């Protein structure tokens, strides 16, 4: 995966070329998150925020060529000569899933599922209170509160293990309800 990163990104972690299949790139950001490489996750996320098909609408594109295949996109998507297919809902879904995973996700790589909380949180954010609520996961709905000294995770009925993102200090108090 690291070799692939080097092939498509420059020395500043920016894409060498504009991606054609954006949903794959956003899904890759989620993979970096699970691997604990949050800097790469943030690099991809920020690139996509800065390079929207319609700035401010959080929409992205897909491919080159499909936009002319049906001859009805112009009426549906509002373009006279569409440069690409936009909005692309698969990419939007991947983006939403990524941002939810940055707050809480379930790691199923071990024998028992592990709830990972705040994997996408940046260390500079820890100076203030953070809250995330009603996050859907495979283990149930998760809420959490960081109060600058401790983490309180709420997931009704959950009896498993919780791991915090890499930005959180290792010696903090973790309460699970």
Protein backbone atom coordinates (compact mmCIF):
# COMPACT_ATOMS: atom_id res chain seq x y z
CA UNK A 1 0.00 0.00 0.00
CA UNK A 2 2.90 2.33 0.73
CA UNK A 3 4.28 1.74 -2.78
CA UNK A 4 0.90 2.72 -4.22
CA UNK A 5 0.98 5.90 -2.10
CA UNK A 6 4.35 6.84 -3.56
CA UNK A 7 3.13 6.20 -7.10
CA UNK A 8 0.11 8.50 -6.91
CA UNK A 9 1.30 11.19 -4.45
CA UNK A 10 4.11 13.71 -4.70
CA UNK A 11 6.60 14.65 -1.95
CA UNK A 12 3.99 16.99 -0.43
CA UNK A 13 1.42 14.16 -0.20
CA UNK A 14 -0.69 15.72 -2.97
CA UNK A 15 -2.04 13.74 -5.91
CA UNK A 16 0.26 13.82 -8.93
CA UNK A 17 -2.79 13.64 -11.19
CA UNK A 18 -6.46 14.35 -10.58
CA UNK A 19 -8.04 10.99 -9.63
CA UNK A 20 -10.61 9.62 -12.08
CA UNK A 21 -12.39 7.19 -9.73
CA UNK A 22 -12.73 9.29 -6.59
CA UNK A 23 -14.58 6.72 -4.52
CA UNK A 24 -11.53 4.44 -4.57
CA UNK A 25 -9.32 7.26 -3.29
CA UNK A 26 -11.68 8.15 -0.46
CA UNK A 27 -12.02 4.46 0.46
CA UNK A 28 -8.22 4.28 0.55
CA UNK A 29 -8.23 7.08 3.13
CA UNK A 30 -10.37 4.85 5.33
CA UNK A 31 -7.81 2.06 4.96
CA UNK A 32 -5.03 4.40 6.08
CA UNK A 33 -7.17 5.32 9.10
CA UNK A 34 -7.53 1.67 10.11
CA UNK A 35 -3.77 1.22 9.70
CA UNK A 36 -3.18 4.11 12.11
CA UNK A 37 -1.77 6.39 9.40
CA UNK A 38 -3.98 9.36 10.21
CA UNK A 39 -1.67 11.86 8.49
CA UNK A 40 -2.30 10.09 5.18
CA UNK A 41 -6.02 9.95 5.93
CA UNK A 42 -6.08 13.70 6.59
CA UNK A 43 -3.99 14.41 3.51
CA UNK A 44 -6.53 12.68 1.28
CA UNK A 45 -9.52 14.22 3.07
CA UNK A 46 -8.13 17.74 2.86
CA UNK A 47 -7.22 17.28 -0.80
CA UNK A 48 -10.80 16.29 -1.60
CA UNK A 49 -12.23 19.17 0.44
CA UNK A 50 -9.98 21.56 -1.52
CA UNK A 51 -10.81 19.99 -4.91
CA UNK A 52 -14.58 19.74 -5.17
CA UNK A 53 -16.47 19.51 -8.44
CA UNK A 54 -18.75 22.30 -7.18
CA UNK A 55 -16.86 24.18 -4.44
CA UNK A 56 -18.80 24.45 -1.23
CA UNK A 57 -21.28 21.71 -2.13
CA UNK A 58 -19.01 18.83 -1.09
CA UNK A 59 -19.49 16.97 -4.35
CA UNK A 60 -16.91 15.12 -6.38
CA UNK A 61 -16.65 13.60 -9.84
CA UNK A 62 -16.16 10.23 -11.38
CA UNK A 63 -14.34 9.08 -14.45
CA UNK A 64 -13.95 10.48 -17.90
CA UNK A 65 -16.38 9.46 -20.60
CA UNK A 66 -19.42 8.16 -18.75
CA UNK A 67 -20.77 11.68 -18.54
CA UNK A 68 -21.58 11.53 -22.27
CA UNK A 69 -22.86 7.97 -22.46
CA UNK A 70 -26.51 8.51 -21.55
CA UNK A 71 -27.16 11.95 -23.07
CA UNK A 72 -29.57 12.76 -20.25
CA UNK A 73 -27.11 13.91 -17.59
CA UNK A 74 -27.36 17.45 -18.90
CA UNK A 75 -31.01 17.70 -17.86
CA UNK A 76 -30.57 15.93 -14.53
CA UNK A 77 -27.30 17.36 -13.31
CA UNK A 78 -27.49 20.88 -14.68
CA UNK A 79 -24.51 20.90 -17.05
CA UNK A 80 -24.59 21.87 -20.72
CA UNK A 81 -21.27 20.13 -21.40
CA UNK A 82 -20.48 18.15 -18.26
CA UNK A 83 -16.75 17.79 -17.58
CA UNK A 84 -17.48 14.64 -15.57
CA UNK A 85 -20.25 12.84 -13.70
CA UNK A 86 -21.11 14.93 -10.65
CA UNK A 87 -22.39 14.68 -8.06
CA UNK A 88 -21.15 11.16 -7.61
CA UNK A 89 -23.08 9.45 -4.86
CA UNK A 90 -20.68 6.54 -4.33
CA UNK A 91 -17.94 9.06 -3.54
CA UNK A 92 -20.30 10.98 -1.26
CA UNK A 93 -21.12 7.75 0.59
CA UNK A 94 -17.43 6.87 0.97
CA UNK A 95 -16.74 10.38 2.28
CA UNK A 96 -19.51 10.09 4.88
CA UNK A 97 -18.32 6.64 5.97
CA UNK A 98 -14.75 7.92 6.28
CA UNK A 99 -15.74 10.85 8.46
CA UNK A 100 -17.90 8.62 10.67
CA UNK A 101 -15.03 6.13 10.99
CA UNK A 102 -12.74 8.96 12.05
CA UNK A 103 -15.02 9.34 15.09
CA UNK A 104 -15.76 5.65 15.81
CA UNK A 105 -15.44 2.32 14.00
CA UNK A 106 -15.31 -1.38 14.78
CA UNK A 107 -12.05 -3.25 14.20
CA UNK A 108 -12.95 -6.85 13.37
CA UNK A 109 -9.43 -8.05 12.57
CA UNK A 110 -9.04 -9.89 15.90
CA UNK A 111 -11.04 -12.68 17.49
CA UNK A 112 -13.32 -10.19 19.27
CA UNK A 113 -14.56 -6.90 17.82
CA UNK A 114 -12.77 -3.82 19.12
CA UNK A 115 -14.38 -0.39 19.25
CA UNK A 116 -11.96 2.30 18.06
CA UNK A 117 -12.88 5.80 19.17
CA UNK A 118 -11.44 9.05 17.80
CA UNK A 119 -9.02 7.53 15.30
CA UNK A 120 -9.26 10.66 13.14
CA UNK A 121 -8.91 13.15 15.99
CA UNK A 122 -5.90 15.45 15.74
CA UNK A 123 -3.67 16.02 18.77
CA UNK A 124 -4.15 19.81 18.69
CA UNK A 125 -7.88 19.30 19.24
CA UNK A 126 -7.28 17.61 22.61
CA UNK A 127 -6.75 20.96 24.33
CA UNK A 128 -10.52 21.47 24.36
CA UNK A 129 -13.62 19.43 25.04
CA UNK A 130 -14.79 17.18 22.20
CA UNK A 131 -18.11 15.40 21.84
CA UNK A 132 -19.44 12.96 19.28
CA UNK A 133 -22.89 11.50 19.60
CA UNK A 134 -25.18 8.91 18.13
CA UNK A 135 -22.56 7.37 15.84
CA UNK A 136 -23.83 4.17 14.22
CA UNK A 137 -21.47 1.17 14.42
CA UNK A 138 -21.86 -2.59 14.08
CA UNK A 139 -21.75 -2.81 17.87
CA UNK A 140 -24.47 -0.24 18.43
CA UNK A 141 -24.83 3.51 18.70
CA UNK A 142 -21.73 5.16 20.20
CA UNK A 143 -21.35 8.53 21.88
CA UNK A 144 -18.22 9.90 23.49
CA UNK A 145 -16.94 12.92 25.38
CA UNK A 146 -13.33 14.05 25.78
CA UNK A 147 -12.88 16.57 28.60
CA UNK A 148 -9.13 17.26 28.11
CA UNK A 149 -8.20 14.70 30.80
CA UNK A 150 -10.44 11.68 30.31
CA UNK A 151 -12.59 9.92 27.75
CA UNK A 152 -16.14 8.80 28.48
CA UNK A 153 -17.55 6.34 25.92
CA UNK A 154 -21.25 5.49 25.96
CA UNK A 155 -22.44 2.39 24.13
CA UNK A 156 -25.40 0.69 25.80
CA UNK A 157 -24.96 -3.02 26.44
CA UNK A 158 -21.38 -3.17 25.15
CA UNK A 159 -18.96 -5.32 27.17
CA UNK A 160 -15.96 -5.39 24.83
CA UNK A 161 -12.70 -3.49 24.54
CA UNK A 162 -12.24 0.11 23.46
CA UNK A 163 -9.12 1.63 21.93
CA UNK A 164 -8.59 5.33 21.47
CA UNK A 165 -7.05 6.98 18.43
CA UNK A 166 -3.32 7.60 18.33
CA UNK A 167 -3.67 11.32 19.19
CA UNK A 168 -4.94 10.53 22.70
CA UNK A 169 -2.40 10.10 25.53
CA UNK A 170 -1.88 6.48 26.57
CA UNK A 171 -2.32 7.16 30.29
CA UNK A 172 -5.73 8.85 30.25
CA UNK A 173 -8.73 7.69 32.22
CA UNK A 174 -11.19 5.80 30.04
CA UNK A 175 -14.76 5.29 31.26
CA UNK A 176 -17.13 3.02 29.36
CA UNK A 177 -20.90 2.91 30.02
